[in-house]
Every structure is written in structure tokens, then in C-alpha cells.
C-alpha atoms as a PDB file:
ATOM      1  CA  VAL A   1      41.278  27.357 -32.864  1.00  0.00           C
ATOM      2  CA  HIS A   2      39.409  29.918 -34.876  1.00  0.00           C
ATOM      3  CA  GLY A   3      36.446  28.662 -36.851  1.00  0.00           C
ATOM      4  CA  GLY A   4      37.655  25.071 -36.890  1.00  0.00           C
ATOM      5  CA  ALA A   5      36.617  21.968 -35.051  1.00  0.00           C
ATOM      6  CA  VAL A   6      38.071  21.346 -31.636  1.00  0.00           C
ATOM      7  CA  THR A   7      39.797  17.985 -31.411  1.00  0.00           C
ATOM      8  CA  ALA A   8      42.090  16.364 -28.905  1.00  0.00           C
ATOM      9  CA  ALA A   9      45.011  17.401 -31.077  1.00  0.00           C
ATOM     10  CA  THR A  10      44.009  21.091 -30.949  1.00  0.00           C
ATOM     11  CA  VAL A  11      43.450  21.260 -27.159  1.00  0.00           C
ATOM     12  CA  ALA A  12      46.489  21.979 -25.030  1.00  0.00           C
ATOM     13  CA  PRO A  13      47.512  18.967 -22.932  1.00  0.00           C
ATOM     14  CA  SER A  14      47.073  21.009 -19.740  1.00  0.00           C
ATOM     15  CA  ALA A  15      43.410  21.675 -20.647  1.00  0.00           C
ATOM     16  CA  ARG A  16      42.590  17.988 -21.015  1.00  0.00           C
ATOM     17  CA  ARG A  17      41.492  16.159 -17.899  1.00  0.00           C
ATOM     18  CA  ALA A  18      41.936  12.533 -17.149  1.00  0.00           C
ATOM     19  CA  VAL A  19      38.800  10.649 -16.262  1.00  0.00           C
ATOM     20  CA  GLY A  20      39.300   8.114 -13.526  1.00  0.00           C
ATOM     21  CA  ALA A  21      37.269   5.067 -12.610  1.00  0.00           C
ATOM     22  CA  GLN A  22      33.532   5.654 -12.518  1.00  0.00           C
ATOM     23  CA  HIS A  23      31.750   4.679  -9.316  1.00  0.00           C
ATOM     24  CA  GLY A  24      28.134   3.661  -8.854  1.00  0.00           C
ATOM     25  CA  ALA A  25      25.662   1.076 -10.035  1.00  0.00           C
ATOM     26  CA  ASP A  26      26.501  -1.062 -13.046  1.00  0.00           C
ATOM     27  CA  THR A  27      23.747  -0.005 -15.423  1.00  0.00           C
ATOM     28  CA  SER A  28      25.049  -2.134 -18.283  1.00  0.00           C
ATOM     29  CA  LYS A  29      23.204  -5.163 -16.878  1.00  0.00           C
ATOM     30  CA  PRO A  30      19.528  -5.457 -15.879  1.00  0.00           C
ATOM     31  CA  ALA A  31      18.712  -5.349 -12.184  1.00  0.00           C
ATOM     32  CA  PRO A  32      18.058  -8.764 -10.619  1.00  0.00           C
ATOM     33  CA  GLN A  33      14.378  -9.602 -10.277  1.00  0.00           C
ATOM     34  CA  PRO A  34      12.740 -11.763  -7.596  1.00  0.00           C
ATOM     35  CA  ALA A  35      11.860 -15.309  -8.629  1.00  0.00           C
ATOM     36  CA  GLU A  36       8.471 -15.730 -10.269  1.00  0.00           C
ATOM     37  CA  GLY A  37       5.684 -16.278  -7.774  1.00  0.00           C
ATOM     38  CA  VAL A  38       7.688 -14.899  -4.840  1.00  0.00           C
ATOM     39  CA  ALA A  39       5.918 -12.103  -2.992  1.00  0.00           C
ATOM     40  CA  VAL A  40       8.092  -9.155  -2.083  1.00  0.00           C
ATOM     41  CA  ALA A  41       6.970  -7.118   0.906  1.00  0.00           C
ATOM     42  CA  ALA A  42       7.287  -3.357   0.864  1.00  0.00           C
ATOM     43  CA  PRO A  43      10.070  -2.277   3.201  1.00  0.00           C
ATOM     44  CA  ALA A  44       8.924  -0.881   6.524  1.00  0.00           C
ATOM     45  CA  ALA A  45       9.501   2.831   6.842  1.00  0.00           C
ATOM     46  CA  ALA A  46      12.432   3.600   9.098  1.00  0.00           C
ATOM     47  CA  PRO A  47      11.079   5.462  12.122  1.00  0.00           C
ATOM     48  CA  THR A  48      13.647   8.254  11.975  1.00  0.00           C
ATOM     49  CA  ALA A  49      13.112   8.711   8.224  1.00  0.00           C
ATOM     50  CA  ALA A  50       9.326   8.819   8.636  1.00  0.00           C
ATOM     51  CA  LEU A  51       9.598  11.314  11.489  1.00  0.00           C
ATOM     52  CA  ALA A  52      11.948  13.438   9.390  1.00  0.00           C
ATOM     53  CA  LEU A  53       9.355  13.426   6.588  1.00  0.00           C
ATOM     54  CA  ALA A  54       6.586  14.293   9.056  1.00  0.00           C
ATOM     55  CA  ASN A  55       8.689  17.198  10.276  1.00  0.00           C
ATOM     56  CA  LYS A  56       9.590  18.296   6.730  1.00  0.00           C
ATOM     57  CA  HIS A  57       5.926  18.402   5.725  1.00  0.00           C
ATOM     58  CA  THR A  58       4.877  20.135   9.008  1.00  0.00           C
ATOM     59  CA  CYS A  59       2.734  17.207  10.188  1.00  0.00           C
ATOM     60  CA  LEU A  60       4.177  17.769  13.667  1.00  0.00           C
ATOM     61  CA  ALA A  61       2.490  21.171  13.830  1.00  0.00           C
ATOM     62  CA  CYS A  62      -0.858  19.413  14.321  1.00  0.00           C
ATOM     63  CA  HIS A  63       0.067  15.841  15.363  1.00  0.00           C
ATOM     64  CA  GLY A  64       2.332  14.840  18.218  1.00  0.00           C
ATOM     65  CA  VAL A  65       3.901  11.400  18.239  1.00  0.00           C
ATOM     66  CA  GLU A  66       2.364  10.536  21.585  1.00  0.00           C
ATOM     67  CA  SER A  67      -0.011  13.425  22.314  1.00  0.00           C
ATOM     68  CA  LYS A  68      -2.856  15.195  20.552  1.00  0.00           C
ATOM     69  CA  ILE A  69      -2.154  18.744  19.399  1.00  0.00           C
ATOM     70  CA  VAL A  70      -4.816  19.843  16.892  1.00  0.00           C
ATOM     71  CA  GLY A  71      -5.328  16.405  15.406  1.00  0.00           C
ATOM     72  CA  PRO A  72      -4.835  12.988  16.968  1.00  0.00           C
ATOM     73  CA  SER A  73      -1.399  11.748  17.963  1.00  0.00           C
ATOM     74  CA  PHE A  74       0.395   9.464  15.550  1.00  0.00           C
ATOM     75  CA  ARG A  75       0.129   6.668  18.130  1.00  0.00           C
ATOM     76  CA  GLU A  76      -3.678   7.117  18.294  1.00  0.00           C
ATOM     77  CA  VAL A  77      -3.887   6.892  14.500  1.00  0.00           C
ATOM     78  CA  ALA A  78      -1.652   3.801  14.490  1.00  0.00           C
ATOM     79  CA  LYS A  79      -3.771   2.129  17.183  1.00  0.00           C
ATOM     80  CA  LYS A  80      -7.066   2.904  15.422  1.00  0.00           C
ATOM     81  CA  TYR A  81      -5.938   1.374  12.112  1.00  0.00           C
ATOM     82  CA  ALA A  82      -3.754  -1.460  13.481  1.00  0.00           C
ATOM     83  CA  ALA A  83      -6.207  -4.193  12.457  1.00  0.00           C
ATOM     84  CA  LYS A  84      -6.952  -2.734   9.027  1.00  0.00           C
ATOM     85  CA  SER A  85      -5.177  -4.851   6.380  1.00  0.00           C
ATOM     86  CA  ASP A  86      -4.907  -1.950   3.923  1.00  0.00           C
ATOM     87  CA  ALA A  87      -4.019   0.649   6.569  1.00  0.00           C
ATOM     88  CA  ALA A  88      -0.955   2.018   4.754  1.00  0.00           C
ATOM     89  CA  ASP A  89      -2.864   2.579   1.505  1.00  0.00           C
ATOM     90  CA  TYR A  90      -5.853   4.044   3.342  1.00  0.00           C
ATOM     91  CA  LEU A  91      -3.715   6.396   5.437  1.00  0.00           C
ATOM     92  CA  ALA A  92      -1.645   7.531   2.437  1.00  0.00           C
ATOM     93  CA  GLY A  93      -4.910   8.456   0.733  1.00  0.00           C
ATOM     94  CA  LYS A  94      -6.152  10.329   3.810  1.00  0.00           C
ATOM     95  CA  ILE A  95      -2.859  12.215   4.095  1.00  0.00           C
ATOM     96  CA  LYS A  96      -3.082  13.334   0.467  1.00  0.00           C
ATOM     97  CA  SER A  97      -6.830  14.111   0.366  1.00  0.00           C
ATOM     98  CA  GLY A  98      -7.464  15.230   3.950  1.00  0.00           C
ATOM     99  CA  GLY A  99     -10.674  14.465   5.797  1.00  0.00           C
ATOM    100  CA  SER A 100     -13.122  15.451   8.475  1.00  0.00           C
ATOM    101  CA  GLY A 101     -15.386  13.934  11.088  1.00  0.00           C
ATOM    102  CA  VAL A 102     -13.276  10.884  11.930  1.00  0.00           C
ATOM    103  CA  TRP A 103     -11.350  12.521  14.793  1.00  0.00           C
ATOM    104  CA  GLY A 104     -13.657  15.396  15.672  1.00  0.00           C
ATOM    105  CA  ALA A 105     -14.901  18.665  14.250  1.00  0.00           C
ATOM    106  CA  ILE A 106     -11.574  20.089  13.053  1.00  0.00           C
ATOM    107  CA  PRO A 107     -10.887  18.934   9.476  1.00  0.00           C
ATOM    108  CA  MET A 108      -7.462  17.924   8.206  1.00  0.00           C
ATOM    109  CA  PRO A 109      -6.767  19.739   4.947  1.00  0.00           C
ATOM    110  CA  ALA A 110      -5.378  17.899   1.930  1.00  0.00           C
ATOM    111  CA  GLN A 111      -1.606  17.763   2.094  1.00  0.00           C
ATOM    112  CA  ALA A 112       0.580  18.676  -0.877  1.00  0.00           C
ATOM    113  CA  LEU A 113       3.422  16.205  -0.557  1.00  0.00           C
ATOM    114  CA  ALA A 114       4.935  13.687  -2.927  1.00  0.00           C
ATOM    115  CA  GLU A 115       3.233  10.301  -3.105  1.00  0.00           C
ATOM    116  CA  PRO A 116       6.364   8.424  -1.917  1.00  0.00           C
ATOM    117  CA  ASP A 117       6.567  10.690   1.149  1.00  0.00           C
ATOM    118  CA  ALA A 118       2.877  10.150   1.959  1.00  0.00           C
ATOM    119  CA  ARG A 119       3.338   6.391   1.574  1.00  0.00           C
ATOM    120  CA  ALA A 120       6.424   6.351   3.833  1.00  0.00           C
ATOM    121  CA  ILE A 121       4.594   8.235   6.598  1.00  0.00           C
ATOM    122  CA  ALA A 122       1.517   6.023   6.178  1.00  0.00           C
ATOM    123  CA  ARG A 123       3.637   2.823   6.316  1.00  0.00           C
ATOM    124  CA  TRP A 124       5.230   4.085   9.538  1.00  0.00           C
ATOM    125  CA  LEU A 125       1.773   4.759  11.004  1.00  0.00           C
ATOM    126  CA  ALA A 126       0.508   1.332   9.888  1.00  0.00           C
ATOM    127  CA  ASP A 127       3.566  -0.238  11.551  1.00  0.00           C
ATOM    128  CA  GLY A 128       2.668   1.320  14.914  1.00  0.00           C
ATOM    129  CA  ALA A 129       4.310   4.773  14.760  1.00  0.00           C
ATOM    130  CA  LYS A 130       7.343   3.633  16.707  1.00  0.00           C
ATOM    131  CA  LYS A 131      10.160   6.078  17.463  1.00  0.00           C
END
């Protein structure tokens, strides 16, 4: 078609494609919400997912799961903050901002990772850093 509008009538049948059933979430309806007054706990970070994130963000270069490398082991961190009720929030903040003096003279620099990744690693630490 030269200079005109393209319509279904002007496109060759072989150039048209059939669209089959669409798969995925039904976004035409709102997502179900928990009942009012019901507390919903944050899901625990899956150990393998948290370890994959720790590896992706090179945490394992300085922290071993069970042994100190440059910084404390993940198990040592988990043990130290086990009784702290806001451990996951605190640790996510420490991951993002870094720190010094808590584990010795070598400072941990601030880490440039997405907030959800920091929170997943911190939740795993708060849950005991299990493999």
C-alpha cells in the first residue's frame, strides 16, 4: 500500500499472524488482599537464593558462610544478631551503608546493590544463615 492506511484488508493473509491464548496472571481483577487485621509475615529468604545473591554481589569474596575471610562469617553475623528483633532491617541497612569497628579494624564499604537484594540477604542472615 503506497501512502494509504494499512488495514487487515490490505495485508496479505500470509503476513497476518494468529494470536493464541494468552498465558499469565489475570490482571483484569484486583489481587486478593489479606483480611483486615491479619498480620502477614515477610517470607523467609530461601537459602539457595540468598547465597546466589551473596555470590552475585561478591559478598563471598570477604565473607565465608562458616569461616571468616576478611570480614566475619555469615554464621557469626547471624549468631550475633539472633536475638535482635529488627535484625533483618538493621542488617539490610548495614549492607547498604557499610560500617566499621563492629567486627574489627577493617571497614566494610557501602554496597551498591538493589534494596530487595540487600533485604533478601539480610533476612537470610537474620534467619540463621542456613545453607
